[in-house]
């Protein structure tokens, strides 16, 4: 089984808590990404949250908030599910399935972000089609109760 650091996308694009949501959205568009990890500062790269495209839809657009005056820290998810670079990919896949995540940040010492694993990374870098299909199915199932 591969390790997370073998399948992750290294050095993901990040923003700071004080960055405006408009900047986060522009990065999503220009880099063609869904989530933007939020780091404490450029020196520590300590992961403090994550903003997803869904966060923007629900917390900015649906609430009629201004993306140019709302800070990332106001809409970010603070309790981020992560994995470590040395973890088996299976651990990341299990966490993605359990929490219905399409992406999971990879952290090192002191919660420093080192990468991110997306469904596409699993599909293209882990040679296990049945496992990939199972994870995608688990992530995509709705929790409607």
C-alpha atoms as a PDB file:
ATOM      1  CA  UNK A   1       0.000   0.000   0.000  1.00  0.00           C
ATOM      2  CA  UNK A   2       1.304   3.405  -0.930  1.00  0.00           C
ATOM      3  CA  UNK A   3       1.885   6.177   1.590  1.00  0.00           C
ATOM      4  CA  UNK A   4      -0.067   9.431   1.519  1.00  0.00           C
ATOM      5  CA  UNK A   5       3.039  11.398   0.530  1.00  0.00           C
ATOM      6  CA  UNK A   6       3.327   9.236  -2.609  1.00  0.00           C
ATOM      7  CA  UNK A   7      -0.128  10.145  -3.959  1.00  0.00           C
ATOM      8  CA  UNK A   8      -0.686  13.666  -2.621  1.00  0.00           C
ATOM      9  CA  UNK A   9      -0.389  16.876  -4.569  1.00  0.00           C
ATOM     10  CA  UNK A  10       2.537  18.642  -2.926  1.00  0.00           C
ATOM     11  CA  UNK A  11       2.568  22.288  -1.787  1.00  0.00           C
ATOM     12  CA  UNK A  12      -1.116  23.092  -2.254  1.00  0.00           C
ATOM     13  CA  UNK A  13      -2.220  26.674  -2.831  1.00  0.00           C
ATOM     14  CA  UNK A  14      -3.108  28.215   0.550  1.00  0.00           C
ATOM     15  CA  UNK A  15      -4.563  31.431   1.926  1.00  0.00           C
ATOM     16  CA  UNK A  16      -4.318  33.259   5.240  1.00  0.00           C
ATOM     17  CA  UNK A  17      -7.159  33.786   7.749  1.00  0.00           C
ATOM     18  CA  UNK A  18      -7.270  37.535   6.991  1.00  0.00           C
ATOM     19  CA  UNK A  19      -7.457  37.062   3.209  1.00  0.00           C
ATOM     20  CA  UNK A  20     -10.778  38.115   1.751  1.00  0.00           C
ATOM     21  CA  UNK A  21     -13.077  35.397   0.464  1.00  0.00           C
ATOM     22  CA  UNK A  22     -12.940  36.987  -3.006  1.00  0.00           C
ATOM     23  CA  UNK A  23      -9.219  36.091  -3.159  1.00  0.00           C
ATOM     24  CA  UNK A  24      -9.993  32.511  -2.114  1.00  0.00           C
ATOM     25  CA  UNK A  25     -12.639  32.242  -4.851  1.00  0.00           C
ATOM     26  CA  UNK A  26     -10.298  33.722  -7.467  1.00  0.00           C
ATOM     27  CA  UNK A  27      -7.660  31.113  -6.567  1.00  0.00           C
ATOM     28  CA  UNK A  28     -10.250  28.345  -6.887  1.00  0.00           C
ATOM     29  CA  UNK A  29     -11.072  29.593 -10.373  1.00  0.00           C
ATOM     30  CA  UNK A  30      -7.537  30.255 -11.618  1.00  0.00           C
ATOM     31  CA  UNK A  31      -6.059  27.027 -10.195  1.00  0.00           C
ATOM     32  CA  UNK A  32      -9.188  24.922 -10.894  1.00  0.00           C
ATOM     33  CA  UNK A  33      -9.411  23.677  -7.309  1.00  0.00           C
ATOM     34  CA  UNK A  34     -12.270  23.143  -4.848  1.00  0.00           C
ATOM     35  CA  UNK A  35     -10.735  23.572  -1.404  1.00  0.00           C
ATOM     36  CA  UNK A  36      -8.226  26.150  -0.228  1.00  0.00           C
ATOM     37  CA  UNK A  37      -6.375  25.313   2.994  1.00  0.00           C
ATOM     38  CA  UNK A  38      -6.057  28.253   5.393  1.00  0.00           C
ATOM     39  CA  UNK A  39      -2.679  28.523   7.110  1.00  0.00           C
ATOM     40  CA  UNK A  40      -1.611  30.503  10.167  1.00  0.00           C
ATOM     41  CA  UNK A  41       1.171  32.259   8.215  1.00  0.00           C
ATOM     42  CA  UNK A  42       3.622  31.651   5.375  1.00  0.00           C
ATOM     43  CA  UNK A  43       6.453  30.772   7.771  1.00  0.00           C
ATOM     44  CA  UNK A  44       4.809  28.018   9.845  1.00  0.00           C
ATOM     45  CA  UNK A  45       2.298  26.864   7.180  1.00  0.00           C
ATOM     46  CA  UNK A  46       0.288  25.552  10.134  1.00  0.00           C
ATOM     47  CA  UNK A  47      -3.144  24.426   8.946  1.00  0.00           C
ATOM     48  CA  UNK A  48      -5.872  26.311  10.828  1.00  0.00           C
ATOM     49  CA  UNK A  49      -8.844  25.717   8.531  1.00  0.00           C
ATOM     50  CA  UNK A  50     -10.121  25.065   5.033  1.00  0.00           C
ATOM     51  CA  UNK A  51     -12.522  26.885   2.714  1.00  0.00           C
ATOM     52  CA  UNK A  52     -14.379  24.848   0.103  1.00  0.00           C
ATOM     53  CA  UNK A  53     -16.392  25.921  -2.887  1.00  0.00           C
ATOM     54  CA  UNK A  54     -19.423  24.649  -0.959  1.00  0.00           C
ATOM     55  CA  UNK A  55     -18.555  26.984   1.942  1.00  0.00           C
ATOM     56  CA  UNK A  56     -18.645  29.895  -0.500  1.00  0.00           C
ATOM     57  CA  UNK A  57     -21.998  28.831  -1.925  1.00  0.00           C
ATOM     58  CA  UNK A  58     -23.643  28.347   1.470  1.00  0.00           C
ATOM     59  CA  UNK A  59     -21.947  30.982   3.639  1.00  0.00           C
ATOM     60  CA  UNK A  60     -21.392  33.793   1.138  1.00  0.00           C
ATOM     61  CA  UNK A  61     -23.794  33.514  -1.800  1.00  0.00           C
ATOM     62  CA  UNK A  62     -26.779  31.984   0.042  1.00  0.00           C
ATOM     63  CA  UNK A  63     -26.434  34.454   2.930  1.00  0.00           C
ATOM     64  CA  UNK A  64     -25.889  37.447   0.642  1.00  0.00           C
ATOM     65  CA  UNK A  65     -22.528  38.305   2.175  1.00  0.00           C
ATOM     66  CA  UNK A  66     -19.880  40.374   0.412  1.00  0.00           C
ATOM     67  CA  UNK A  67     -16.905  38.289  -0.706  1.00  0.00           C
ATOM     68  CA  UNK A  68     -14.715  41.399  -0.872  1.00  0.00           C
ATOM     69  CA  UNK A  69     -15.225  42.275   2.794  1.00  0.00           C
ATOM     70  CA  UNK A  70     -15.579  38.823   4.388  1.00  0.00           C
ATOM     71  CA  UNK A  71     -12.403  37.181   5.698  1.00  0.00           C
ATOM     72  CA  UNK A  72     -11.587  33.533   5.084  1.00  0.00           C
ATOM     73  CA  UNK A  73     -11.546  32.899   8.848  1.00  0.00           C
ATOM     74  CA  UNK A  74     -15.231  33.872   9.003  1.00  0.00           C
ATOM     75  CA  UNK A  75     -16.326  31.038   6.709  1.00  0.00           C
ATOM     76  CA  UNK A  76     -13.590  28.401   7.040  1.00  0.00           C
ATOM     77  CA  UNK A  77     -14.068  25.009   8.632  1.00  0.00           C
ATOM     78  CA  UNK A  78     -11.800  24.955  11.673  1.00  0.00           C
ATOM     79  CA  UNK A  79     -11.870  21.261  12.577  1.00  0.00           C
ATOM     80  CA  UNK A  80     -10.164  19.873   9.507  1.00  0.00           C
ATOM     81  CA  UNK A  81      -9.894  16.117   8.986  1.00  0.00           C
ATOM     82  CA  UNK A  82      -6.279  15.424   7.977  1.00  0.00           C
ATOM     83  CA  UNK A  83      -3.840  12.598   7.433  1.00  0.00           C
ATOM     84  CA  UNK A  84      -0.058  12.433   7.708  1.00  0.00           C
ATOM     85  CA  UNK A  85       2.429  11.893   4.907  1.00  0.00           C
ATOM     86  CA  UNK A  86       3.680   8.620   6.353  1.00  0.00           C
ATOM     87  CA  UNK A  87       0.148   7.179   6.766  1.00  0.00           C
ATOM     88  CA  UNK A  88      -0.956   4.402   4.443  1.00  0.00           C
ATOM     89  CA  UNK A  89      -3.259   5.734   1.752  1.00  0.00           C
ATOM     90  CA  UNK A  90      -5.901   3.395   3.175  1.00  0.00           C
ATOM     91  CA  UNK A  91      -6.103   5.565   6.304  1.00  0.00           C
ATOM     92  CA  UNK A  92      -6.807   8.634   4.159  1.00  0.00           C
ATOM     93  CA  UNK A  93      -9.367   6.723   2.092  1.00  0.00           C
ATOM     94  CA  UNK A  94     -11.146   5.540   5.241  1.00  0.00           C
ATOM     95  CA  UNK A  95     -11.284   9.111   6.600  1.00  0.00           C
ATOM     96  CA  UNK A  96     -12.540  10.426   3.243  1.00  0.00           C
ATOM     97  CA  UNK A  97     -15.281   7.784   3.180  1.00  0.00           C
ATOM     98  CA  UNK A  98     -16.275   8.246   6.821  1.00  0.00           C
ATOM     99  CA  UNK A  99     -16.499  12.044   6.615  1.00  0.00           C
ATOM    100  CA  UNK A 100     -17.660  12.199   2.967  1.00  0.00           C
ATOM    101  CA  UNK A 101     -14.681  14.291   1.887  1.00  0.00           C
ATOM    102  CA  UNK A 102     -13.578  14.697  -1.696  1.00  0.00           C
ATOM    103  CA  UNK A 103     -10.190  15.986  -0.523  1.00  0.00           C
ATOM    104  CA  UNK A 104      -8.053  15.605   2.580  1.00  0.00           C
ATOM    105  CA  UNK A 105      -5.079  17.774   3.591  1.00  0.00           C
ATOM    106  CA  UNK A 106      -1.808  16.041   4.439  1.00  0.00           C
ATOM    107  CA  UNK A 107       0.084  17.494   7.390  1.00  0.00           C
ATOM    108  CA  UNK A 108       3.501  16.984   8.902  1.00  0.00           C
ATOM    109  CA  UNK A 109       5.000  18.110  12.195  1.00  0.00           C
ATOM    110  CA  UNK A 110       3.210  20.940  14.029  1.00  0.00           C
ATOM    111  CA  UNK A 111       0.185  20.545  11.716  1.00  0.00           C
ATOM    112  CA  UNK A 112       2.227  22.050   8.845  1.00  0.00           C
ATOM    113  CA  UNK A 113       0.495  21.462   5.513  1.00  0.00           C
ATOM    114  CA  UNK A 114       2.609  19.469   3.068  1.00  0.00           C
ATOM    115  CA  UNK A 115       0.028  18.319   0.534  1.00  0.00           C
ATOM    116  CA  UNK A 116      -3.541  17.428  -0.271  1.00  0.00           C
ATOM    117  CA  UNK A 117      -5.133  14.236  -1.570  1.00  0.00           C
ATOM    118  CA  UNK A 118      -8.135  14.506  -3.886  1.00  0.00           C
ATOM    119  CA  UNK A 119     -10.382  11.812  -5.332  1.00  0.00           C
ATOM    120  CA  UNK A 120      -8.561  12.312  -8.635  1.00  0.00           C
ATOM    121  CA  UNK A 121      -5.194  11.595  -6.966  1.00  0.00           C
ATOM    122  CA  UNK A 122      -6.560   8.302  -5.663  1.00  0.00           C
ATOM    123  CA  UNK A 123      -8.018   7.405  -9.050  1.00  0.00           C
ATOM    124  CA  UNK A 124      -4.822   8.161 -10.971  1.00  0.00           C
ATOM    125  CA  UNK A 125      -2.080   7.219  -8.504  1.00  0.00           C
ATOM    126  CA  UNK A 126      -3.445   4.220  -6.610  1.00  0.00           C
ATOM    127  CA  UNK A 127      -3.760   1.177  -8.852  1.00  0.00           C
ATOM    128  CA  UNK A 128      -6.863  -0.227  -7.165  1.00  0.00           C
ATOM    129  CA  UNK A 129      -9.953   0.459  -9.326  1.00  0.00           C
ATOM    130  CA  UNK A 130     -12.366  -1.386  -7.020  1.00  0.00           C
ATOM    131  CA  UNK A 131     -11.137   0.503  -3.955  1.00  0.00           C
ATOM    132  CA  UNK A 132     -11.317   3.819  -5.809  1.00  0.00           C
ATOM    133  CA  UNK A 133     -14.900   3.088  -6.899  1.00  0.00           C
ATOM    134  CA  UNK A 134     -15.862   2.173  -3.319  1.00  0.00           C
ATOM    135  CA  UNK A 135     -14.403   5.405  -1.915  1.00  0.00           C
ATOM    136  CA  UNK A 136     -16.122   7.555  -4.547  1.00  0.00           C
ATOM    137  CA  UNK A 137     -19.421   5.800  -3.776  1.00  0.00           C
ATOM    138  CA  UNK A 138     -19.019   6.305  -0.014  1.00  0.00           C
ATOM    139  CA  UNK A 139     -18.098   9.980  -0.418  1.00  0.00           C
ATOM    140  CA  UNK A 140     -20.995  10.659  -2.754  1.00  0.00           C
ATOM    141  CA  UNK A 141     -23.771   9.006  -0.739  1.00  0.00           C
ATOM    142  CA  UNK A 142     -26.062  11.467   0.928  1.00  0.00           C
ATOM    143  CA  UNK A 143     -26.636  11.546   4.670  1.00  0.00           C
ATOM    144  CA  UNK A 144     -30.297  12.497   4.315  1.00  0.00           C
ATOM    145  CA  UNK A 145     -32.121  11.388   7.442  1.00  0.00           C
END
